[in-house]
Amino acid sequence: MTVLFDIFKNRVLAAAVLGWFCAQFAKLLYTLVFTRKWNPERLWGSGGMPSAHSSMSCALTISMARIHGIDTPLFALAVMFAFVTMYDAMGVRREAGEHAKLLNKYLNEIEALKADKDGDGIPDVKVNEIELKEFIGHTPLEVLGGVLLGIIIGILIPV
């Protein structure tokens, strides 16, 4: 049990976890305010405003700088980790989400055509919709939101 307490005494880890949690909770509130829909999946789902990955990595980086200084290899590692994380969120994962949108559209059209046995344009058998997850990446604004939240959390965590 002491190992668990020792882990949570790690202020850098605490800042990173808090950065992630706050961003996920903010996503839930953001979705509720702007769509007027309660979507508890926002507490653990990827994509959306603000980026939890960016918030977590920036909270980690700022708290690392405050505790260990900016002239350490640990800080350099944290900075590079944050850059890779944010680049991936805006680039690779965002593009994967765009690809999923197109695949969902075209695969569902193909399934509907295959289900139309008599050629009248109306499916004759039930079609199961294909739903690849589309909401996995971030816009630059969502990443910026996560960065700002992470910086604030990294500054507010006591050293």
Protein backbone atom coordinates (compact mmCIF):
# COMPACT_ATOMS: atom_id res chain seq x y z
CA MET A 1 0.00 0.00 0.00
CA THR A 2 2.90 2.39 0.66
CA VAL A 3 4.01 1.98 -2.95
CA LEU A 4 0.66 3.35 -4.08
CA PHE A 5 1.00 6.34 -1.75
CA ASP A 6 4.59 6.91 -2.93
CA ILE A 7 3.42 6.95 -6.55
CA PHE A 8 0.84 9.65 -5.77
CA LYS A 9 3.46 11.72 -3.92
CA ASN A 10 5.22 12.13 -7.27
CA ARG A 11 4.23 15.71 -8.15
CA VAL A 12 5.15 15.37 -11.83
CA LEU A 13 2.95 12.30 -12.18
CA ALA A 14 0.18 14.01 -10.19
CA ALA A 15 0.31 17.02 -12.52
CA ALA A 16 0.14 14.80 -15.62
CA VAL A 17 -2.80 12.77 -14.29
CA LEU A 18 -4.59 15.93 -13.16
CA GLY A 19 -4.00 17.48 -16.60
CA TRP A 20 -5.57 14.47 -18.29
CA PHE A 21 -8.50 14.29 -15.85
CA CYS A 22 -9.29 18.02 -16.05
CA ALA A 23 -9.24 17.95 -19.86
CA GLN A 24 -11.55 14.93 -19.99
CA PHE A 25 -13.96 16.58 -17.54
CA ALA A 26 -13.78 19.82 -19.57
CA LYS A 27 -14.70 17.82 -22.71
CA LEU A 28 -17.80 16.53 -20.95
CA LEU A 29 -18.82 20.07 -19.96
CA TYR A 30 -17.92 21.51 -23.38
CA THR A 31 -20.06 18.88 -25.12
CA LEU A 32 -22.94 19.48 -22.70
CA VAL A 33 -22.87 23.26 -23.21
CA PHE A 34 -22.43 23.30 -27.00
CA THR A 35 -24.55 20.29 -28.02
CA ARG A 36 -26.94 20.24 -25.06
CA LYS A 37 -26.37 16.46 -24.86
CA TRP A 38 -25.07 14.49 -21.89
CA ASN A 39 -22.35 12.22 -23.29
CA PRO A 40 -20.44 10.41 -20.51
CA GLU A 41 -18.14 8.85 -23.16
CA ARG A 42 -16.40 12.23 -23.25
CA LEU A 43 -14.87 11.33 -19.84
CA TRP A 44 -12.63 8.73 -21.50
CA GLY A 45 -12.97 9.22 -25.25
CA SER A 46 -10.35 10.74 -27.50
CA GLY A 47 -10.80 13.80 -29.71
CA GLY A 48 -12.62 16.98 -28.81
CA MET A 49 -11.95 20.19 -26.91
CA PRO A 50 -9.55 20.38 -25.12
CA SER A 51 -6.98 17.77 -26.04
CA ALA A 52 -6.34 15.61 -22.97
CA HIS A 53 -3.10 14.32 -24.50
CA SER A 54 -1.81 17.88 -24.89
CA SER A 55 -2.98 18.89 -21.43
CA MET A 56 -1.33 15.86 -19.83
CA SER A 57 1.98 16.26 -21.65
CA CYS A 58 2.17 20.02 -21.02
CA ALA A 59 1.30 19.65 -17.32
CA LEU A 60 4.04 17.04 -17.09
CA THR A 61 6.54 19.27 -18.92
CA ILE A 62 5.84 22.42 -16.89
CA SER A 63 5.92 20.59 -13.55
CA MET A 64 9.13 18.85 -14.64
CA ALA A 65 10.67 22.26 -15.39
CA ARG A 66 9.57 23.70 -12.06
CA ILE A 67 10.86 20.76 -10.01
CA HIS A 68 14.00 19.71 -11.90
CA GLY A 69 14.87 22.83 -13.92
CA ILE A 70 15.03 23.46 -17.64
CA ASP A 71 18.68 22.50 -18.04
CA THR A 72 18.11 18.79 -17.31
CA PRO A 73 17.76 15.80 -19.63
CA LEU A 74 14.41 15.05 -17.94
CA PHE A 75 13.02 18.39 -19.08
CA ALA A 76 14.36 17.84 -22.62
CA LEU A 77 12.67 14.44 -22.71
CA ALA A 78 9.38 15.91 -21.47
CA VAL A 79 9.46 18.70 -24.09
CA MET A 80 10.10 16.27 -26.93
CA PHE A 81 7.38 13.93 -25.60
CA ALA A 82 4.93 16.85 -25.57
CA PHE A 83 5.83 17.88 -29.14
CA VAL A 84 5.43 14.34 -30.49
CA THR A 85 2.13 13.94 -28.64
CA MET A 86 0.69 17.19 -30.00
CA TYR A 87 1.98 16.55 -33.54
CA ASP A 88 0.40 13.11 -33.50
CA ALA A 89 -2.93 14.47 -32.21
CA MET A 90 -3.17 17.11 -34.95
CA GLY A 91 -1.66 15.05 -37.73
CA VAL A 92 -1.84 11.29 -37.73
CA ARG A 93 -4.87 10.79 -35.47
CA ARG A 94 -6.83 13.62 -37.08
CA GLU A 95 -6.20 12.19 -40.55
CA ALA A 96 -7.20 8.73 -39.33
CA GLY A 97 -10.52 10.23 -38.21
CA GLU A 98 -11.04 11.85 -41.62
CA HIS A 99 -10.30 8.51 -43.31
CA ALA A 100 -12.79 6.80 -41.00
CA LYS A 101 -15.51 9.27 -42.07
CA LEU A 102 -14.96 8.47 -45.73
CA LEU A 103 -14.72 4.72 -45.11
CA ASN A 104 -17.96 4.78 -43.11
CA LYS A 105 -19.73 6.65 -45.90
CA TYR A 106 -18.52 4.46 -48.76
CA LEU A 107 -18.73 1.13 -46.97
CA ASN A 108 -22.29 1.86 -45.85
CA GLU A 109 -23.23 2.84 -49.41
CA ILE A 110 -21.75 -0.43 -50.70
CA GLU A 111 -23.62 -2.42 -48.04
CA ALA A 112 -26.90 -0.70 -48.99
CA LEU A 113 -26.30 -1.47 -52.68
CA LYS A 114 -25.56 -5.12 -51.89
CA ALA A 115 -28.79 -5.33 -49.85
CA ASP A 116 -30.84 -4.02 -52.81
CA LYS A 117 -31.62 -7.35 -54.49
CA ASP A 118 -34.22 -6.11 -57.00
CA GLY A 119 -32.43 -2.92 -58.09
CA ASP A 120 -35.12 -0.45 -56.99
CA GLY A 121 -32.69 1.55 -54.82
CA ILE A 122 -34.23 0.37 -51.56
CA PRO A 123 -32.40 -2.29 -49.50
CA ASP A 124 -34.41 -5.53 -49.39
CA VAL A 125 -32.65 -6.91 -46.33
CA LYS A 126 -31.56 -5.26 -43.08
CA VAL A 127 -28.23 -3.46 -43.40
CA ASN A 128 -25.88 -3.32 -40.42
CA GLU A 129 -24.21 0.08 -40.40
CA ILE A 130 -20.44 0.18 -40.31
CA GLU A 131 -19.22 2.67 -37.72
CA LEU A 132 -15.49 3.21 -37.53
CA LYS A 133 -14.60 5.71 -34.83
CA GLU A 134 -14.25 9.13 -36.48
CA PHE A 135 -13.60 11.33 -33.46
CA ILE A 136 -10.00 10.45 -32.61
CA GLY A 137 -7.83 13.44 -33.50
CA HIS A 138 -7.73 17.14 -32.75
CA THR A 139 -7.87 20.45 -34.52
CA PRO A 140 -5.08 22.93 -33.76
CA LEU A 141 -7.52 24.91 -31.56
CA GLU A 142 -8.34 21.80 -29.49
CA VAL A 143 -4.63 21.12 -29.03
CA LEU A 144 -4.07 24.76 -28.02
CA GLY A 145 -6.86 24.43 -25.46
CA GLY A 146 -5.11 21.39 -24.02
CA VAL A 147 -1.74 23.14 -24.01
CA LEU A 148 -3.12 26.14 -22.08
CA LEU A 149 -4.93 23.91 -19.58
CA GLY A 150 -1.77 21.80 -19.08
CA ILE A 151 0.41 24.87 -18.56
CA ILE A 152 -2.00 26.24 -15.94
CA ILE A 153 -2.09 22.92 -14.10
CA GLY A 154 1.70 22.57 -14.27
CA ILE A 155 2.08 26.04 -12.74
CA LEU A 156 -0.55 25.47 -10.03
CA ILE A 157 0.79 22.12 -8.75
CA PRO A 158 2.82 22.92 -5.62
CA VAL A 159 6.53 22.07 -5.83
